[in-house]
Protein backbone atom coordinates (compact mmCIF):
# COMPACT_ATOMS: atom_id res chain seq x y z
CA MET A 1 -45.84 77.13 -92.15
CA LEU A 2 -46.10 78.81 -95.54
CA SER A 3 -47.06 77.11 -98.80
CA VAL A 4 -48.06 79.64 -101.43
CA HIS A 5 -48.26 77.58 -104.59
CA THR A 6 -49.97 74.43 -103.32
CA SER A 7 -52.07 73.46 -100.32
CA PRO A 8 -51.59 70.47 -98.01
CA LEU A 9 -55.27 69.78 -98.69
CA HIS A 10 -54.62 69.12 -102.39
CA GLN A 11 -54.56 65.61 -103.83
CA PRO A 12 -50.92 64.48 -104.31
CA GLY A 13 -50.16 63.51 -107.87
CA THR A 14 -52.25 66.27 -109.46
CA GLY A 15 -51.36 69.77 -110.65
CA ASP A 16 -48.49 71.05 -108.52
CA ALA A 17 -49.27 68.71 -105.62
CA GLY A 18 -46.80 65.94 -104.87
CA GLY A 19 -44.39 64.78 -102.22
CA MET A 20 -44.18 68.26 -100.71
CA ASN A 21 -47.90 68.15 -99.88
CA VAL A 22 -47.52 64.78 -98.15
CA TYR A 23 -44.44 66.13 -96.35
CA MET A 24 -46.30 69.15 -94.95
CA VAL A 25 -49.35 67.15 -93.82
CA GLN A 26 -47.37 64.42 -92.10
CA LEU A 27 -44.76 66.74 -90.57
CA ALA A 28 -47.43 69.11 -89.23
CA ARG A 29 -49.32 66.22 -87.65
CA ALA A 30 -46.15 64.79 -86.11
CA LEU A 31 -45.16 68.20 -84.73
CA ALA A 32 -48.65 68.69 -83.30
CA ALA A 33 -48.44 65.28 -81.61
CA LYS A 34 -45.46 66.72 -79.72
CA GLY A 35 -47.47 69.74 -78.60
CA ALA A 36 -46.60 72.27 -81.33
CA GLU A 37 -49.42 74.43 -82.70
CA ILE A 38 -49.16 74.78 -86.47
CA ASP A 39 -50.88 77.31 -88.75
CA VAL A 40 -50.39 76.57 -92.45
CA PHE A 41 -51.03 79.53 -94.77
CA THR A 42 -51.79 78.94 -98.44
CA ARG A 43 -53.51 80.81 -101.28
CA CYS A 44 -57.27 80.69 -101.89
CA ARG A 45 -58.00 78.97 -105.22
CA GLY A 46 -61.80 79.27 -105.30
CA GLU A 47 -62.40 75.66 -104.27
CA GLY A 48 -65.27 76.53 -101.93
CA LEU A 49 -63.27 75.78 -98.79
CA PRO A 50 -63.66 77.86 -95.61
CA ALA A 51 -61.06 80.44 -94.68
CA ARG A 52 -59.87 78.05 -91.94
CA VAL A 53 -59.82 74.26 -92.26
CA PRO A 54 -58.75 72.04 -89.34
CA LEU A 55 -56.27 69.46 -90.60
CA ALA A 56 -55.62 67.76 -87.26
CA ASP A 57 -55.56 68.65 -83.58
CA LEU A 58 -53.47 71.84 -83.27
CA VAL A 59 -53.08 72.09 -87.09
CA THR A 60 -55.14 74.60 -89.13
CA VAL A 61 -54.93 75.46 -92.83
CA HIS A 62 -55.67 79.14 -93.59
CA HIS A 63 -56.65 80.36 -97.08
CA LEU A 64 -55.46 83.86 -97.94
CA HIS A 65 -56.61 86.07 -100.80
CA ALA A 66 -53.71 86.90 -103.08
CA GLY A 67 -54.55 87.62 -106.67
CA PRO A 68 -57.63 86.02 -108.22
CA CYS A 69 -59.34 83.43 -106.01
CA GLY A 70 -58.77 80.64 -108.49
CA PRO A 71 -56.04 78.49 -110.02
CA LEU A 72 -52.98 80.26 -111.39
CA ALA A 73 -50.03 78.95 -113.35
CA LYS A 74 -46.89 78.78 -111.20
CA GLU A 75 -45.26 81.32 -113.51
CA ALA A 76 -47.90 83.91 -112.50
CA LEU A 77 -47.53 83.41 -108.75
CA PRO A 78 -44.59 85.79 -108.14
CA GLY A 79 -47.02 88.63 -108.87
CA THR A 80 -49.21 87.54 -105.94
CA LEU A 81 -46.49 87.41 -103.27
CA SER A 82 -46.85 91.00 -102.08
CA ALA A 83 -50.62 90.60 -101.63
CA PHE A 84 -50.08 87.24 -99.89
CA SER A 85 -47.57 88.81 -97.48
CA ARG A 86 -49.89 91.70 -96.63
CA ASP A 87 -52.90 89.42 -96.09
CA LEU A 88 -50.79 87.11 -93.91
CA LEU A 89 -49.66 90.02 -91.73
CA ARG A 90 -53.29 91.16 -91.31
CA ALA A 91 -54.52 87.61 -90.56
CA ALA A 92 -51.88 87.15 -87.88
CA GLU A 93 -52.67 90.41 -86.05
CA GLN A 94 -55.29 88.73 -83.85
CA ARG A 95 -53.01 85.86 -82.85
CA ARG A 96 -50.24 85.63 -80.33
CA PRO A 97 -46.80 86.08 -81.93
CA TYR A 98 -45.39 83.09 -83.79
CA ASP A 99 -42.14 81.52 -82.61
CA VAL A 100 -40.81 80.55 -86.05
CA VAL A 101 -41.74 80.80 -89.73
CA HIS A 102 -41.16 77.62 -91.75
CA SER A 103 -41.51 78.23 -95.49
CA HIS A 104 -41.70 75.53 -98.19
CA TYR A 105 -40.48 76.11 -101.78
CA TRP A 106 -38.90 79.34 -102.97
CA LEU A 107 -42.17 81.26 -103.52
CA SER A 108 -43.12 80.78 -99.87
CA GLY A 109 -39.59 81.66 -98.86
CA GLN A 110 -40.02 85.09 -100.46
CA VAL A 111 -43.05 85.68 -98.23
CA GLY A 112 -41.21 84.17 -95.27
CA ARG A 113 -38.33 86.61 -95.45
CA ALA A 114 -40.80 89.51 -95.34
CA VAL A 115 -43.01 88.37 -92.46
CA ALA A 116 -40.24 86.84 -90.36
CA GLY A 117 -38.47 90.19 -90.43
CA GLN A 118 -41.68 92.00 -89.50
CA TRP A 119 -42.36 89.67 -86.57
CA ARG A 120 -38.68 89.48 -85.57
CA VAL A 121 -38.74 85.70 -85.48
CA PRO A 122 -36.38 83.23 -87.22
CA LEU A 123 -37.01 81.93 -90.72
CA VAL A 124 -36.52 78.20 -91.42
CA HIS A 125 -36.77 77.18 -95.05
CA THR A 126 -37.12 73.86 -96.91
CA MET A 127 -36.53 74.12 -100.67
CA HIS A 128 -37.96 70.69 -101.73
CA THR A 129 -36.69 71.30 -105.28
CA LEU A 130 -33.92 73.51 -106.64
CA GLY A 131 -34.11 75.34 -109.96
CA ARG A 132 -30.43 74.90 -110.74
CA VAL A 133 -30.65 71.13 -110.13
CA LYS A 134 -33.74 70.85 -112.34
CA ASN A 135 -32.08 72.82 -115.13
CA ALA A 136 -29.15 70.41 -115.06
CA SER A 137 -31.51 67.44 -115.49
CA LEU A 138 -33.96 68.57 -118.15
CA ALA A 139 -35.79 66.02 -120.27
CA PRO A 140 -35.62 66.49 -124.04
CA GLY A 141 -37.97 69.32 -125.00
CA ASP A 142 -38.63 70.39 -121.41
CA SER A 143 -38.45 74.07 -120.42
CA ALA A 144 -35.72 75.44 -118.18
CA GLU A 145 -36.59 77.13 -114.90
CA PRO A 146 -36.43 80.92 -115.38
CA ALA A 147 -33.79 83.21 -113.96
CA ALA A 148 -36.47 84.81 -111.75
CA ARG A 149 -36.71 81.57 -109.80
CA ILE A 150 -32.95 81.11 -109.55
CA LEU A 151 -32.46 84.60 -108.15
CA GLY A 152 -35.44 84.14 -105.84
CA GLU A 153 -33.89 80.95 -104.46
CA HIS A 154 -30.59 82.74 -103.83
CA GLN A 155 -32.44 85.47 -101.92
CA VAL A 156 -34.34 82.99 -99.74
CA ILE A 157 -31.25 80.90 -99.01
CA ASP A 158 -29.41 84.10 -98.12
CA ALA A 159 -32.18 85.27 -95.74
CA ALA A 160 -33.03 82.04 -93.90
CA ASP A 161 -31.70 81.50 -90.39
CA ARG A 162 -31.73 77.73 -90.92
CA LEU A 163 -32.12 75.57 -94.03
CA ILE A 164 -33.56 72.06 -93.97
CA ALA A 165 -32.35 69.60 -96.64
CA ASN A 166 -33.92 66.19 -97.15
CA THR A 167 -30.62 64.45 -97.83
CA ALA A 168 -26.88 65.00 -97.81
CA ASP A 169 -27.06 65.27 -101.60
CA GLU A 170 -29.48 68.20 -101.35
CA ALA A 171 -27.34 69.85 -98.66
CA ALA A 172 -24.34 69.59 -100.99
CA ALA A 173 -26.35 71.20 -103.82
CA LEU A 174 -27.36 74.07 -101.54
CA HIS A 175 -23.70 74.65 -100.71
CA ASP A 176 -22.13 74.04 -104.12
CA LEU A 177 -24.76 75.74 -106.32
CA TYR A 178 -26.07 78.46 -104.00
CA GLY A 179 -23.29 79.11 -101.50
CA ALA A 180 -25.33 78.10 -98.43
CA GLU A 181 -23.16 77.60 -95.35
CA THR A 182 -23.12 74.02 -94.13
CA THR A 183 -23.17 75.34 -90.56
CA ARG A 184 -26.77 76.53 -90.95
CA THR A 185 -28.04 73.61 -93.03
CA ASP A 186 -29.66 70.68 -91.22
CA ILE A 187 -30.40 67.33 -92.88
CA VAL A 188 -33.84 66.05 -91.88
CA ARG A 189 -34.89 62.90 -93.70
CA PRO A 190 -38.65 62.71 -94.44
CA GLY A 191 -40.70 59.90 -92.96
CA VAL A 192 -43.42 57.52 -94.07
CA ASP A 193 -46.86 56.85 -92.62
CA THR A 194 -46.47 53.15 -91.78
CA GLU A 195 -50.08 52.91 -90.57
CA THR A 196 -51.30 53.64 -94.10
CA PHE A 197 -48.39 52.13 -96.00
CA SER A 198 -47.76 48.56 -94.82
CA PRO A 199 -47.86 45.07 -96.37
CA GLY A 200 -51.45 44.75 -95.15
CA ALA A 201 -53.26 41.62 -96.25
CA GLY A 202 -50.78 41.06 -99.06
CA ARG A 203 -50.54 41.18 -102.85
CA ASP A 204 -53.36 38.76 -103.74
CA VAL A 205 -55.94 40.60 -101.64
CA ALA A 206 -54.84 43.97 -103.02
CA ARG A 207 -55.16 42.70 -106.59
CA ARG A 208 -58.65 41.37 -105.91
CA ARG A 209 -59.71 44.71 -104.46
CA LEU A 210 -58.36 46.57 -107.50
CA GLY A 211 -59.66 44.03 -110.04
CA LEU A 212 -56.18 43.11 -111.28
CA PRO A 213 -55.18 39.70 -112.71
CA PRO A 214 -53.63 37.49 -110.00
CA ASP A 215 -50.84 36.20 -112.29
CA ALA A 216 -49.88 39.51 -113.97
CA PHE A 217 -46.40 40.99 -113.87
CA ILE A 218 -47.06 44.58 -112.72
CA PRO A 219 -44.45 47.35 -112.89
CA LEU A 220 -46.07 50.48 -111.38
CA PHE A 221 -45.47 54.20 -111.92
CA VAL A 222 -46.78 56.74 -109.39
CA GLY A 223 -46.30 60.49 -109.81
CA ARG A 224 -47.29 63.59 -111.66
CA ILE A 225 -47.23 63.18 -115.42
CA GLN A 226 -44.35 65.43 -116.36
CA PRO A 227 -40.98 64.93 -118.10
CA LEU A 228 -39.05 65.42 -114.86
CA LYS A 229 -40.63 62.27 -113.38
CA GLY A 230 -39.67 60.20 -116.44
CA PRO A 231 -42.87 58.26 -117.26
CA ASP A 232 -41.67 58.22 -120.87
CA VAL A 233 -38.62 56.21 -119.75
CA LEU A 234 -40.93 53.50 -118.39
CA ILE A 235 -43.04 53.45 -121.58
CA ARG A 236 -39.94 53.02 -123.74
CA ALA A 237 -38.59 50.39 -121.34
CA LEU A 238 -41.81 48.37 -121.69
CA ALA A 239 -41.36 48.28 -125.47
CA GLU A 240 -37.76 47.10 -125.00
CA LEU A 241 -38.92 44.52 -122.44
CA LEU A 242 -41.41 43.02 -124.88
CA ASP A 243 -38.69 42.83 -127.53
CA LEU A 244 -36.53 40.89 -125.07
CA ALA A 245 -39.36 38.65 -123.82
CA PRO A 246 -42.42 38.74 -126.10
CA GLU A 247 -44.03 35.98 -124.04
CA LEU A 248 -44.53 38.47 -121.23
CA ARG A 249 -47.14 40.45 -123.19
CA MET A 250 -49.94 38.12 -122.13
CA ARG A 251 -49.40 38.88 -118.45
CA LEU A 252 -47.76 42.34 -118.46
CA LEU A 253 -49.76 45.21 -116.96
CA ALA A 254 -48.19 48.62 -116.23
CA PRO A 255 -50.43 51.07 -114.34
CA VAL A 256 -49.40 54.75 -114.56
CA ILE A 257 -51.04 56.55 -111.64
CA GLY A 258 -51.02 60.34 -111.55
CA GLY A 259 -52.61 63.51 -112.85
CA LEU A 260 -51.44 66.25 -115.16
CA SER A 261 -48.65 68.40 -113.76
CA GLY A 262 -48.98 72.17 -113.88
CA SER A 263 -50.49 73.12 -117.22
CA GLY A 264 -50.28 69.52 -118.37
CA THR A 265 -48.86 70.53 -121.75
CA HIS A 266 -46.69 67.40 -122.02
CA ALA A 267 -49.28 64.89 -120.83
CA PRO A 268 -51.13 64.24 -124.15
CA GLY A 269 -47.88 62.88 -125.59
CA LEU A 270 -47.78 59.90 -123.23
CA PRO A 271 -50.75 57.93 -124.68
CA ALA A 272 -49.48 58.78 -128.17
CA LEU A 273 -46.06 57.38 -127.23
CA CYS A 274 -47.74 54.18 -125.99
CA ARG A 275 -49.51 53.77 -129.33
CA GLN A 276 -46.38 54.60 -131.30
CA LEU A 277 -44.36 51.95 -129.45
CA GLY A 278 -47.14 49.36 -129.48
CA VAL A 279 -47.55 49.10 -125.70
CA ASP A 280 -50.94 50.79 -125.30
CA ASP A 281 -52.47 47.36 -124.59
CA VAL A 282 -50.27 46.84 -121.52
CA VAL A 283 -50.26 50.40 -120.11
CA ARG A 284 -53.19 51.45 -117.93
CA MET A 285 -53.53 55.19 -117.23
CA GLU A 286 -55.12 55.87 -113.84
CA PRO A 287 -55.91 59.15 -112.06
CA ALA A 288 -54.26 60.10 -108.78
CA VAL A 289 -55.87 58.29 -105.82
CA ARG A 290 -56.14 58.78 -102.08
CA GLN A 291 -53.41 57.41 -99.84
CA ARG A 292 -55.24 54.29 -98.63
CA VAL A 293 -56.11 53.26 -102.19
CA LEU A 294 -52.56 54.04 -103.29
CA ALA A 295 -51.28 51.63 -100.63
CA ASP A 296 -53.24 48.83 -102.36
CA TRP A 297 -51.64 49.74 -105.71
CA TYR A 298 -48.21 49.49 -104.12
CA ARG A 299 -49.07 46.11 -102.56
CA ALA A 300 -50.46 44.82 -105.85
CA ALA A 301 -47.35 45.76 -107.85
CA ASP A 302 -44.30 43.57 -108.46
CA VAL A 303 -42.04 46.63 -108.60
CA LEU A 304 -42.38 50.42 -108.39
CA VAL A 305 -40.48 52.19 -111.19
CA VAL A 306 -39.11 55.66 -110.37
CA PRO A 307 -37.15 56.87 -113.44
CA SER A 308 -37.05 60.51 -112.28
CA ARG A 309 -34.53 62.83 -113.89
CA SER A 310 -34.35 64.81 -110.64
CA GLU A 311 -35.76 63.94 -107.21
CA SER A 312 -35.12 65.74 -103.92
CA PHE A 313 -36.04 62.61 -101.97
CA GLY A 314 -38.64 60.29 -103.54
CA LEU A 315 -41.38 59.65 -100.98
CA VAL A 316 -43.18 57.23 -103.33
CA ALA A 317 -40.14 54.94 -103.18
CA VAL A 318 -40.31 54.75 -99.38
CA GLU A 319 -44.10 54.29 -99.42
CA ALA A 320 -43.78 51.35 -101.82
CA GLN A 321 -41.05 49.73 -99.71
CA ALA A 322 -43.22 50.12 -96.59
CA CYS A 323 -45.87 48.09 -98.47
CA GLY A 324 -43.37 45.33 -99.29
CA THR A 325 -42.69 46.27 -102.91
CA PRO A 326 -39.15 46.62 -104.33
CA VAL A 327 -38.17 49.74 -106.25
CA LEU A 328 -36.38 50.21 -109.59
CA ALA A 329 -35.14 53.80 -109.65
CA ALA A 330 -32.70 56.25 -111.15
CA ARG A 331 -29.62 56.99 -109.10
CA VAL A 332 -30.41 60.72 -108.76
CA GLY A 333 -30.98 63.17 -105.92
CA GLY A 334 -32.33 61.59 -102.76
CA LEU A 335 -33.25 58.21 -104.29
CA PRO A 336 -29.97 56.55 -103.16
CA THR A 337 -31.04 57.48 -99.62
CA ALA A 338 -34.60 56.28 -100.09
CA VAL A 339 -33.61 52.97 -101.77
CA GLN A 340 -30.85 50.58 -100.70
CA ASP A 341 -29.34 49.40 -103.98
CA GLY A 342 -29.28 45.62 -104.28
CA ARG A 343 -31.13 45.15 -101.00
CA THR A 344 -34.52 46.91 -101.22
CA GLY A 345 -34.38 47.65 -104.92
CA VAL A 346 -32.19 48.45 -107.90
CA LEU A 347 -30.65 51.83 -108.75
CA LEU A 348 -29.64 52.60 -112.33
CA ASP A 349 -27.25 55.21 -113.67
CA GLY A 350 -28.83 57.26 -116.43
CA HIS A 351 -32.23 56.86 -118.09
CA ARG A 352 -31.60 54.37 -120.85
CA PRO A 353 -34.82 52.40 -121.46
CA ALA A 354 -32.81 49.27 -122.31
CA ASP A 355 -31.30 49.25 -118.79
CA TYR A 356 -34.74 49.50 -117.21
CA ALA A 357 -36.03 46.74 -119.50
CA ARG A 358 -33.24 44.37 -118.49
CA SER A 359 -33.80 45.07 -114.80
CA LEU A 360 -37.56 44.52 -115.16
CA LEU A 361 -36.94 41.24 -116.93
CA ALA A 362 -34.56 40.10 -114.19
CA LEU A 363 -37.21 40.83 -111.54
CA ALA A 364 -39.94 39.10 -113.58
CA ARG A 365 -37.79 35.98 -113.87
CA ALA A 366 -36.71 35.97 -110.20
CA PRO A 367 -39.88 36.50 -108.14
CA ARG A 368 -38.24 35.05 -105.03
CA ARG A 369 -35.47 37.68 -105.17
CA ALA A 370 -38.09 40.41 -105.70
CA ARG A 371 -40.05 39.23 -102.65
CA ALA A 372 -36.88 39.23 -100.54
CA MET A 373 -36.20 42.82 -101.61
CA GLY A 374 -39.78 43.69 -100.71
CA TRP A 375 -39.44 42.40 -97.16
CA ALA A 376 -36.10 44.16 -96.77
CA GLY A 377 -37.89 47.31 -97.90
CA VAL A 378 -40.46 46.94 -95.12
CA ARG A 379 -37.65 46.85 -92.57
CA HIS A 380 -35.87 49.78 -94.23
CA ALA A 381 -39.02 51.95 -94.26
CA ALA A 382 -39.76 51.11 -90.62
CA GLY A 383 -36.71 53.19 -89.69
CA MET A 384 -38.15 56.29 -91.37
CA ALA A 385 -40.80 57.56 -88.97
CA TRP A 386 -42.38 61.02 -89.12
CA GLU A 387 -41.89 61.19 -85.35
CA THR A 388 -38.12 61.13 -85.93
CA ALA A 389 -38.44 63.83 -88.60
CA ALA A 390 -40.52 65.95 -86.20
CA ASP A 391 -37.88 65.65 -83.45
CA ALA A 392 -35.16 66.75 -85.86
CA THR A 393 -37.31 69.63 -87.17
CA LEU A 394 -38.03 70.86 -83.64
CA ALA A 395 -34.29 70.80 -82.99
CA THR A 396 -33.80 72.97 -86.09
CA TYR A 397 -36.45 75.42 -84.85
CA GLU A 398 -34.65 75.66 -81.51
CA ARG A 399 -31.29 76.26 -83.20
CA ALA A 400 -32.89 78.99 -85.33
CA ALA A 401 -34.40 80.62 -82.24
CA TRP A 402 -31.08 80.39 -80.39
CA THR A 403 -29.13 82.12 -83.15
CA ALA A 404 -31.85 84.78 -83.36
CA ARG A 405 -31.57 85.41 -79.62
CA ARG A 406 -27.82 85.89 -80.09
CA GLY A 407 -28.59 88.68 -82.55
CA TRP A 408 -28.08 86.79 -85.83
CA ALA A 409 -30.35 89.13 -87.75
CA GLY A 410 -30.64 87.44 -91.13
CA ALA A 411 -29.31 88.36 -94.55
CA ALA A 412 -28.25 91.89 -93.62
CA ALA A 413 -25.76 90.45 -91.14
CA ARG A 414 -24.99 87.20 -92.97
CA PRO A 415 -24.54 87.62 -96.73
CA CYS A 416 -24.24 84.55 -98.90
CA PRO A 417 -20.54 83.74 -99.58
CA GLY A 418 -19.63 85.65 -102.73
CA GLY A 419 -22.95 87.53 -102.67
CA ILE A 420 -26.05 86.93 -104.76
CA PRO A 421 -24.87 86.68 -108.37
CA PRO A 422 -26.00 89.28 -110.90
CA LEU A 423 -28.72 88.42 -113.39
CA GLU A 424 -26.39 87.70 -116.31
CA VAL A 425 -24.45 85.15 -114.24
CA LEU A 426 -27.45 83.34 -112.76
CA ASP A 427 -28.11 81.09 -115.70
CA SER A 428 -26.50 82.26 -118.92
CA ARG A 429 -27.80 79.16 -120.72
CA ARG A 430 -31.32 80.22 -119.88
CA PHE A 431 -30.96 83.38 -121.97
CA ARG A 432 -28.91 81.93 -124.81
CA GLY A 433 -31.11 82.28 -127.86
CA CYS A 434 -33.91 83.75 -125.71
CA SER A 435 -35.88 86.62 -127.21
CA PRO A 436 -35.19 90.12 -125.82
CA LYS A 437 -38.90 90.32 -124.93
CA ARG A 438 -38.68 87.20 -122.72
CA ARG A 439 -35.50 88.42 -121.05
CA ARG A 440 -37.07 91.80 -120.25
CA ALA A 441 -40.11 90.02 -118.80
CA ASP A 442 -37.90 87.92 -116.53
CA GLU A 443 -36.00 91.00 -115.41
CA ARG A 444 -39.25 92.82 -114.59
CA THR A 445 -40.46 89.81 -112.58
CA ILE A 446 -37.23 89.67 -110.58
CA ASN A 447 -37.28 93.39 -109.83
CA LEU A 448 -40.98 93.45 -108.94
CA VAL A 449 -40.80 90.53 -106.53
CA SER A 450 -37.61 91.69 -104.85
CA SER A 451 -38.62 95.33 -104.39
CA SER A 452 -42.15 94.49 -103.20
CA ILE A 453 -40.96 91.95 -100.63
CA GLU A 454 -38.21 94.25 -99.39
CA ARG A 455 -40.68 97.15 -98.94
CA ILE A 456 -42.95 94.93 -96.84
CA ALA A 457 -40.01 93.75 -94.73
CA GLU A 458 -38.88 97.36 -94.15
CA ASN A 459 -42.36 98.59 -93.20
């Protein structure tokens, strides 16, 4: 497995770590439980960790030197891909040949298409997020994904022997926006760790452990603090909620659990927004926490709020349901798969704070209905096991190996329908009003990454 930009050892909810990190850890463990040996390769970030870290039986995380051994902004990572590919090829020389390369996110896919070609093994790729989808769902003031990423995604999708999508919605986006053939796209729904995430001893015990008031009404937010996840929607909804029901202020508590995302440039605005709207007394900012502590936060909450503007799946929604907590979420991406509208939670169209406020008020005034949704959520989450996801992933690996044995040799033999679009077509909106200097920089990035990776694949 390849994960260039973030490690499965990183704390979810901080920096660039999120659902993808949980996905890799749990999937690798589930695959290993079925006898697969998994090596996960990621970039050294100067965290003092050994070159090899055992994650579980048959699962090892390897740290490769690519660029400076320290944190790098995601925008700088394309420049490290050639070094990462070369170090990976050297590190793998002493091992027996791999059977399949499974890359995660487009940066890793660029490395995957180089090394899979060198080793003559199939490439399986999971996108997790798509630049074109994110650009269609930008929050006000948020930055668009650059054309370098969009082109890089097209190249990876074109080169992969099999693609794994989390949901049918993501599979449709791969086809409609990137031209991926449905015949080589498999839908593998992520799972949930029901040993960690379960109703446990219940809400009252969880609140005592966390020091929370027993009679509070607690809407919870869990995720990285970035515009894409929509924490601002919750803050504005709380202000609307208190306008609708001012009597709730005495028992309203809204924890926001998560760390700064990426550079964190948008995060300072959240506390300021709380003060501006007069809800800083009911909002409680908390850092990201380990999974077992997070399970108590889910159990303690009356509802998990997921107002994401884009979401490939929404693992937090399934984790909360596994703990017996209903979910109030946006009807975007994979969330309609993760949440059963009207049964395990409520899905809303759009991101209007007033709609979230009215739904929160309805749940606050109907605790019996909320509890019924919570128990339905436990049953719903029970059907999402990582063992099932591992079985489906192994089937994808076998299909990839089978097509490779039949001589399906990758992008050279299987171009994307219509071809990879030229730079000016990739995202014309991205360059509208963009300075010539920024456009030239994006073009240089695209050309550098593509030519370097292709040279490694050829050699």
